[in-house]
Amino acid sequence: MMVFQIFGRMMGVKKIDGDWQVFRLDESQGKHSRLWEIVIPDFVDEQGIAIWLDDMYHESATAEYPTVVRIK
């Protein structure tokens, strides 16, 4: 699973059965839950995920967290 810090929130993205799935991550408990409201189209490749997430969540940017960062 790719892990991103999205303007201060931790999220994961994984391709399952040909579809990108997005998860909210709770690293303190080692849990994750699916975010159904975020859809990443099939044409977005792995290198484009951060750009897509930035487009979806850019309203959440702050001075402390101005960008989407891939953690792993």
PDB file of N, CA and C in Angstrom:
ATOM      1  N   MET A   1       0.845  -1.180   0.000  1.00  0.00           N
ATOM      2  CA  MET A   1       0.000   0.000   0.000  1.00  0.00           C
ATOM      3  C   MET A   1       0.890   1.243   0.000  1.00  0.00           C
ATOM      4  N   MET A   2       0.569   2.172  -0.904  1.00  0.00           N
ATOM      5  CA  MET A   2       1.251   3.458  -0.900  1.00  0.00           C
ATOM      6  C   MET A   2       0.665   4.286   0.242  1.00  0.00           C
ATOM      7  N   VAL A   3       1.512   5.006   0.958  1.00  0.00           N
ATOM      8  CA  VAL A   3       1.067   5.822   2.085  1.00  0.00           C
ATOM      9  C   VAL A   3       1.389   7.281   1.784  1.00  0.00           C
ATOM     10  N   PHE A   4       0.392   8.143   1.995  1.00  0.00           N
ATOM     11  CA  PHE A   4       0.532   9.566   1.736  1.00  0.00           C
ATOM     12  C   PHE A   4       0.131  10.369   2.957  1.00  0.00           C
ATOM     13  N   GLN A   5       0.837  11.491   3.165  1.00  0.00           N
ATOM     14  CA  GLN A   5       0.377  12.491   4.120  1.00  0.00           C
ATOM     15  C   GLN A   5      -0.331  13.535   3.258  1.00  0.00           C
ATOM     16  N   ILE A   6      -1.624  13.628   3.427  1.00  0.00           N
ATOM     17  CA  ILE A   6      -2.441  14.512   2.605  1.00  0.00           C
ATOM     18  C   ILE A   6      -2.873  15.683   3.472  1.00  0.00           C
ATOM     19  N   PHE A   7      -2.093  16.753   3.396  1.00  0.00           N
ATOM     20  CA  PHE A   7      -2.366  17.962   4.159  1.00  0.00           C
ATOM     21  C   PHE A   7      -2.585  17.638   5.637  1.00  0.00           C
ATOM     22  N   GLY A   8      -1.711  16.780   6.176  1.00  0.00           N
ATOM     23  CA  GLY A   8      -1.741  16.444   7.593  1.00  0.00           C
ATOM     24  C   GLY A   8      -2.463  15.158   7.933  1.00  0.00           C
ATOM     25  N   ARG A   9      -3.221  14.596   6.998  1.00  0.00           N
ATOM     26  CA  ARG A   9      -3.936  13.338   7.263  1.00  0.00           C
ATOM     27  C   ARG A   9      -3.215  12.199   6.558  1.00  0.00           C
ATOM     28  N   MET A  10      -3.160  11.053   7.215  1.00  0.00           N
ATOM     29  CA  MET A  10      -2.513   9.891   6.630  1.00  0.00           C
ATOM     30  C   MET A  10      -3.546   9.056   5.876  1.00  0.00           C
ATOM     31  N   MET A  11      -3.214   8.744   4.607  1.00  0.00           N
ATOM     32  CA  MET A  11      -4.088   7.921   3.788  1.00  0.00           C
ATOM     33  C   MET A  11      -3.258   6.930   3.001  1.00  0.00           C
ATOM     34  N   GLY A  12      -3.880   5.824   2.665  1.00  0.00           N
ATOM     35  CA  GLY A  12      -3.231   4.803   1.869  1.00  0.00           C
ATOM     36  C   GLY A  12      -3.981   4.597   0.565  1.00  0.00           C
ATOM     37  N   VAL A  13      -3.246   4.186  -0.462  1.00  0.00           N
ATOM     38  CA  VAL A  13      -3.844   3.888  -1.758  1.00  0.00           C
ATOM     39  C   VAL A  13      -3.291   2.553  -2.228  1.00  0.00           C
ATOM     40  N   LYS A  14      -4.184   1.697  -2.689  1.00  0.00           N
ATOM     41  CA  LYS A  14      -3.786   0.370  -3.138  1.00  0.00           C
ATOM     42  C   LYS A  14      -4.649  -0.022  -4.332  1.00  0.00           C
ATOM     43  N   LYS A  15      -4.026  -0.676  -5.316  1.00  0.00           N
ATOM     44  CA  LYS A  15      -4.783  -1.169  -6.468  1.00  0.00           C
ATOM     45  C   LYS A  15      -5.251  -2.581  -6.157  1.00  0.00           C
ATOM     46  N   ILE A  16      -6.573  -2.761  -6.173  1.00  0.00           N
ATOM     47  CA  ILE A  16      -7.185  -4.053  -5.861  1.00  0.00           C
ATOM     48  C   ILE A  16      -8.136  -4.401  -6.996  1.00  0.00           C
ATOM     49  N   ASP A  17      -7.920  -5.562  -7.604  1.00  0.00           N
ATOM     50  CA  ASP A  17      -8.741  -6.019  -8.730  1.00  0.00           C
ATOM     51  C   ASP A  17      -8.833  -4.961  -9.833  1.00  0.00           C
ATOM     52  N   GLY A  18      -7.722  -4.269 -10.089  1.00  0.00           N
ATOM     53  CA  GLY A  18      -7.663  -3.288 -11.167  1.00  0.00           C
ATOM     54  C   GLY A  18      -8.186  -1.911 -10.821  1.00  0.00           C
ATOM     55  N   ASP A  19      -8.687  -1.709  -9.607  1.00  0.00           N
ATOM     56  CA  ASP A  19      -9.214  -0.410  -9.184  1.00  0.00           C
ATOM     57  C   ASP A  19      -8.380   0.162  -8.050  1.00  0.00           C
ATOM     58  N   TRP A  20      -8.149   1.476  -8.104  1.00  0.00           N
ATOM     59  CA  TRP A  20      -7.487   2.146  -6.986  1.00  0.00           C
ATOM     60  C   TRP A  20      -8.478   2.274  -5.836  1.00  0.00           C
ATOM     61  N   GLN A  21      -8.040   1.928  -4.631  1.00  0.00           N
ATOM     62  CA  GLN A  21      -8.863   2.089  -3.438  1.00  0.00           C
ATOM     63  C   GLN A  21      -8.100   2.967  -2.452  1.00  0.00           C
ATOM     64  N   VAL A  22      -8.837   3.864  -1.805  1.00  0.00           N
ATOM     65  CA  VAL A  22      -8.249   4.831  -0.876  1.00  0.00           C
ATOM     66  C   VAL A  22      -8.702   4.482   0.536  1.00  0.00           C
ATOM     67  N   PHE A  23      -7.764   4.579   1.493  1.00  0.00           N
ATOM     68  CA  PHE A  23      -8.031   4.211   2.881  1.00  0.00           C
ATOM     69  C   PHE A  23      -7.578   5.318   3.824  1.00  0.00           C
ATOM     70  N   ARG A  24      -8.335   5.519   4.874  1.00  0.00           N
ATOM     71  CA  ARG A  24      -7.910   6.372   5.980  1.00  0.00           C
ATOM     72  C   ARG A  24      -7.050   5.501   6.884  1.00  0.00           C
ATOM     73  N   LEU A  25      -5.884   5.995   7.269  1.00  0.00           N
ATOM     74  CA  LEU A  25      -4.971   5.209   8.092  1.00  0.00           C
ATOM     75  C   LEU A  25      -4.939   5.733   9.519  1.00  0.00           C
ATOM     76  N   ASP A  26      -4.956   4.825  10.470  1.00  0.00           N
ATOM     77  CA  ASP A  26      -4.763   5.145  11.879  1.00  0.00           C
ATOM     78  C   ASP A  26      -3.496   4.421  12.302  1.00  0.00           C
ATOM     79  N   GLU A  27      -2.373   5.113  12.157  1.00  0.00           N
ATOM     80  CA  GLU A  27      -1.088   4.468  12.432  1.00  0.00           C
ATOM     81  C   GLU A  27      -0.903   4.128  13.899  1.00  0.00           C
ATOM     82  N   SER A  28      -1.544   4.868  14.803  1.00  0.00           N
ATOM     83  CA  SER A  28      -1.381   4.573  16.228  1.00  0.00           C
ATOM     84  C   SER A  28      -1.966   3.218  16.589  1.00  0.00           C
ATOM     85  N   GLN A  29      -2.987   2.779  15.849  1.00  0.00           N
ATOM     86  CA  GLN A  29      -3.607   1.487  16.123  1.00  0.00           C
ATOM     87  C   GLN A  29      -3.355   0.474  15.018  1.00  0.00           C
ATOM     88  N   GLY A  30      -2.661   0.891  13.960  1.00  0.00           N
ATOM     89  CA  GLY A  30      -2.373  -0.018  12.864  1.00  0.00           C
ATOM     90  C   GLY A  30      -3.600  -0.434  12.078  1.00  0.00           C
ATOM     91  N   LYS A  31      -4.606   0.439  12.014  1.00  0.00           N
ATOM     92  CA  LYS A  31      -5.856   0.109  11.330  1.00  0.00           C
ATOM     93  C   LYS A  31      -6.054   1.010  10.124  1.00  0.00           C
ATOM     94  N   HIS A  32      -6.896   0.547   9.204  1.00  0.00           N
ATOM     95  CA  HIS A  32      -7.293   1.384   8.073  1.00  0.00           C
ATOM     96  C   HIS A  32      -8.736   1.087   7.704  1.00  0.00           C
ATOM     97  N   SER A  33      -9.392   2.106   7.139  1.00  0.00           N
ATOM     98  CA  SER A  33     -10.779   1.937   6.705  1.00  0.00           C
ATOM     99  C   SER A  33     -10.939   2.561   5.326  1.00  0.00           C
ATOM    100  N   ARG A  34     -11.745   1.931   4.507  1.00  0.00           N
ATOM    101  CA  ARG A  34     -11.941   2.347   3.123  1.00  0.00           C
ATOM    102  C   ARG A  34     -12.692   3.668   3.060  1.00  0.00           C
ATOM    103  N   LEU A  35     -12.234   4.561   2.195  1.00  0.00           N
ATOM    104  CA  LEU A  35     -12.928   5.811   1.908  1.00  0.00           C
ATOM    105  C   LEU A  35     -13.638   5.643   0.568  1.00  0.00           C
ATOM    106  N   TRP A  36     -14.911   5.426   0.597  1.00  0.00           N
ATOM    107  CA  TRP A  36     -15.682   5.140  -0.605  1.00  0.00           C
ATOM    108  C   TRP A  36     -15.929   6.373  -1.453  1.00  0.00           C
ATOM    109  N   GLU A  37     -15.883   7.562  -0.840  1.00  0.00           N
ATOM    110  CA  GLU A  37     -16.221   8.780  -1.579  1.00  0.00           C
ATOM    111  C   GLU A  37     -15.102   9.275  -2.501  1.00  0.00           C
ATOM    112  N   ILE A  38     -13.896   8.730  -2.362  1.00  0.00           N
ATOM    113  CA  ILE A  38     -12.778   9.126  -3.218  1.00  0.00           C
ATOM    114  C   ILE A  38     -12.599   8.069  -4.307  1.00  0.00           C
ATOM    115  N   VAL A  39     -12.722   8.502  -5.560  1.00  0.00           N
ATOM    116  CA  VAL A  39     -12.565   7.610  -6.703  1.00  0.00           C
ATOM    117  C   VAL A  39     -11.380   8.097  -7.529  1.00  0.00           C
ATOM    118  N   ILE A  40     -10.426   7.222  -7.731  1.00  0.00           N
ATOM    119  CA  ILE A  40      -9.281   7.525  -8.585  1.00  0.00           C
ATOM    120  C   ILE A  40      -9.480   6.752  -9.876  1.00  0.00           C
ATOM    121  N   PRO A  41      -9.569   7.452 -11.004  1.00  0.00           N
ATOM    122  CA  PRO A  41      -9.820   6.776 -12.284  1.00  0.00           C
ATOM    123  C   PRO A  41      -8.701   5.809 -12.665  1.00  0.00           C
ATOM    124  N   ASP A  42      -9.053   4.820 -13.467  1.00  0.00           N
ATOM    125  CA  ASP A  42      -8.098   3.807 -13.915  1.00  0.00           C
ATOM    126  C   ASP A  42      -6.923   4.382 -14.695  1.00  0.00           C
ATOM    127  N   PHE A  43      -7.136   5.501 -15.417  1.00  0.00           N
ATOM    128  CA  PHE A  43      -6.064   6.059 -16.236  1.00  0.00           C
ATOM    129  C   PHE A  43      -4.960   6.729 -15.424  1.00  0.00           C
ATOM    130  N   VAL A  44      -5.192   6.963 -14.116  1.00  0.00           N
ATOM    131  CA  VAL A  44      -4.158   7.555 -13.263  1.00  0.00           C
ATOM    132  C   VAL A  44      -3.172   6.459 -12.886  1.00  0.00           C
ATOM    133  N   ASP A  45      -1.889   6.681 -13.217  1.00  0.00           N
ATOM    134  CA  ASP A  45      -0.879   5.684 -12.864  1.00  0.00           C
ATOM    135  C   ASP A  45      -0.304   5.987 -11.491  1.00  0.00           C
ATOM    136  N   GLU A  46       0.569   5.112 -11.010  1.00  0.00           N
ATOM    137  CA  GLU A  46       1.120   5.252  -9.661  1.00  0.00           C
ATOM    138  C   GLU A  46       1.800   6.599  -9.456  1.00  0.00           C
ATOM    139  N   GLN A  47       2.494   7.106 -10.479  1.00  0.00           N
ATOM    140  CA  GLN A  47       3.187   8.383 -10.363  1.00  0.00           C
ATOM    141  C   GLN A  47       2.203   9.563 -10.295  1.00  0.00           C
ATOM    142  N   GLY A  48       0.987   9.371 -10.764  1.00  0.00           N
ATOM    143  CA  GLY A  48      -0.001  10.446 -10.767  1.00  0.00           C
ATOM    144  C   GLY A  48      -0.916  10.476  -9.561  1.00  0.00           C
ATOM    145  N   ILE A  49      -0.795   9.513  -8.670  1.00  0.00           N
ATOM    146  CA  ILE A  49      -1.694   9.435  -7.510  1.00  0.00           C
ATOM    147  C   ILE A  49      -1.578  10.683  -6.633  1.00  0.00           C
ATOM    148  N   ALA A  50      -0.366  11.111  -6.307  1.00  0.00           N
ATOM    149  CA  ALA A  50      -0.188  12.285  -5.434  1.00  0.00           C
ATOM    150  C   ALA A  50      -0.817  13.521  -6.066  1.00  0.00           C
ATOM    151  N   ILE A  51      -0.668  13.682  -7.373  1.00  0.00           N
ATOM    152  CA  ILE A  51      -1.258  14.830  -8.065  1.00  0.00           C
ATOM    153  C   ILE A  51      -2.783  14.767  -7.987  1.00  0.00           C
ATOM    154  N   TRP A  52      -3.338  13.586  -8.200  1.00  0.00           N
ATOM    155  CA  TRP A  52      -4.788  13.413  -8.132  1.00  0.00           C
ATOM    156  C   TRP A  52      -5.303  13.732  -6.727  1.00  0.00           C
ATOM    157  N   LEU A  53      -4.619  13.208  -5.702  1.00  0.00           N
ATOM    158  CA  LEU A  53      -5.032  13.463  -4.323  1.00  0.00           C
ATOM    159  C   LEU A  53      -4.920  14.947  -3.986  1.00  0.00           C
ATOM    160  N   ASP A  54      -3.875  15.602  -4.478  1.00  0.00           N
ATOM    161  CA  ASP A  54      -3.722  17.042  -4.268  1.00  0.00           C
ATOM    162  C   ASP A  54      -4.908  17.788  -4.876  1.00  0.00           C
ATOM    163  N   ASP A  55      -5.314  17.397  -6.083  1.00  0.00           N
ATOM    164  CA  ASP A  55      -6.464  18.033  -6.728  1.00  0.00           C
ATOM    165  C   ASP A  55      -7.751  17.826  -5.915  1.00  0.00           C
ATOM    166  N   MET A  56      -7.919  16.645  -5.343  1.00  0.00           N
ATOM    167  CA  MET A  56      -9.134  16.327  -4.595  1.00  0.00           C
ATOM    168  C   MET A  56      -9.201  17.041  -3.240  1.00  0.00           C
ATOM    169  N   TYR A  57      -8.050  17.236  -2.604  1.00  0.00           N
ATOM    170  CA  TYR A  57      -8.025  17.731  -1.228  1.00  0.00           C
ATOM    171  C   TYR A  57      -7.361  19.100  -1.070  1.00  0.00           C
ATOM    172  N   HIS A  58      -7.097  19.826  -2.157  1.00  0.00           N
ATOM    173  CA  HIS A  58      -6.324  21.063  -2.048  1.00  0.00           C
ATOM    174  C   HIS A  58      -6.954  22.103  -1.116  1.00  0.00           C
ATOM    175  N   GLU A  59      -8.256  22.041  -0.882  1.00  0.00           N
ATOM    176  CA  GLU A  59      -8.902  22.983   0.042  1.00  0.00           C
ATOM    177  C   GLU A  59      -8.436  22.777   1.480  1.00  0.00           C
ATOM    178  N   SER A  60      -7.857  21.613   1.765  1.00  0.00           N
ATOM    179  CA  SER A  60      -7.394  21.300   3.124  1.00  0.00           C
ATOM    180  C   SER A  60      -5.963  21.765   3.386  1.00  0.00           C
ATOM    181  N   ALA A  61      -5.316  22.361   2.406  1.00  0.00           N
ATOM    182  CA  ALA A  61      -3.929  22.806   2.568  1.00  0.00           C
ATOM    183  C   ALA A  61      -3.837  23.886   3.652  1.00  0.00           C
ATOM    184  N   THR A  62      -2.743  23.809   4.405  1.00  0.00           N
ATOM    185  CA  THR A  62      -2.464  24.807   5.436  1.00  0.00           C
ATOM    186  C   THR A  62      -1.004  25.224   5.307  1.00  0.00           C
ATOM    187  N   ALA A  63      -0.613  26.244   6.052  1.00  0.00           N
ATOM    188  CA  ALA A  63       0.789  26.662   6.039  1.00  0.00           C
ATOM    189  C   ALA A  63       1.691  25.539   6.551  1.00  0.00           C
ATOM    190  N   GLU A  64       1.201  24.768   7.516  1.00  0.00           N
ATOM    191  CA  GLU A  64       1.980  23.657   8.075  1.00  0.00           C
ATOM    192  C   GLU A  64       2.031  22.464   7.117  1.00  0.00           C
ATOM    193  N   TYR A  65       0.935  22.210   6.401  1.00  0.00           N
ATOM    194  CA  TYR A  65       0.840  21.079   5.471  1.00  0.00           C
ATOM    195  C   TYR A  65       0.390  21.591   4.100  1.00  0.00           C
ATOM    196  N   PRO A  66       1.307  22.142   3.304  1.00  0.00           N
ATOM    197  CA  PRO A  66       0.921  22.751   2.028  1.00  0.00           C
ATOM    198  C   PRO A  66       0.820  21.787   0.848  1.00  0.00           C
ATOM    199  N   THR A  67       1.293  20.543   1.003  1.00  0.00           N
ATOM    200  CA  THR A  67       1.326  19.630  -0.129  1.00  0.00           C
ATOM    201  C   THR A  67       0.973  18.200   0.280  1.00  0.00           C
ATOM    202  N   VAL A  68       0.767  17.366  -0.740  1.00  0.00           N
ATOM    203  CA  VAL A  68       0.608  15.924  -0.541  1.00  0.00           C
ATOM    204  C   VAL A  68       1.999  15.316  -0.649  1.00  0.00           C
ATOM    205  N   VAL A  69       2.362  14.489   0.327  1.00  0.00           N
ATOM    206  CA  VAL A  69       3.690  13.872   0.359  1.00  0.00           C
ATOM    207  C   VAL A  69       3.543  12.361   0.424  1.00  0.00           C
ATOM    208  N   ARG A  70       4.238  11.668  -0.472  1.00  0.00           N
ATOM    209  CA  ARG A  70       4.236  10.202  -0.402  1.00  0.00           C
ATOM    210  C   ARG A  70       5.244   9.779   0.665  1.00  0.00           C
ATOM    211  N   ILE A  71       4.786   8.985   1.626  1.00  0.00           N
ATOM    212  CA  ILE A  71       5.633   8.507   2.718  1.00  0.00           C
ATOM    213  C   ILE A  71       6.294   7.183   2.341  1.00  0.00           C
ATOM    214  N   LYS A  72       5.513   6.272   1.739  1.00  0.00           N
ATOM    215  CA  LYS A  72       6.070   4.995   1.249  1.00  0.00           C
ATOM    216  C   LYS A  72       5.203   4.403   0.191  1.00  0.00           C
TER     217      LYS A  72
END
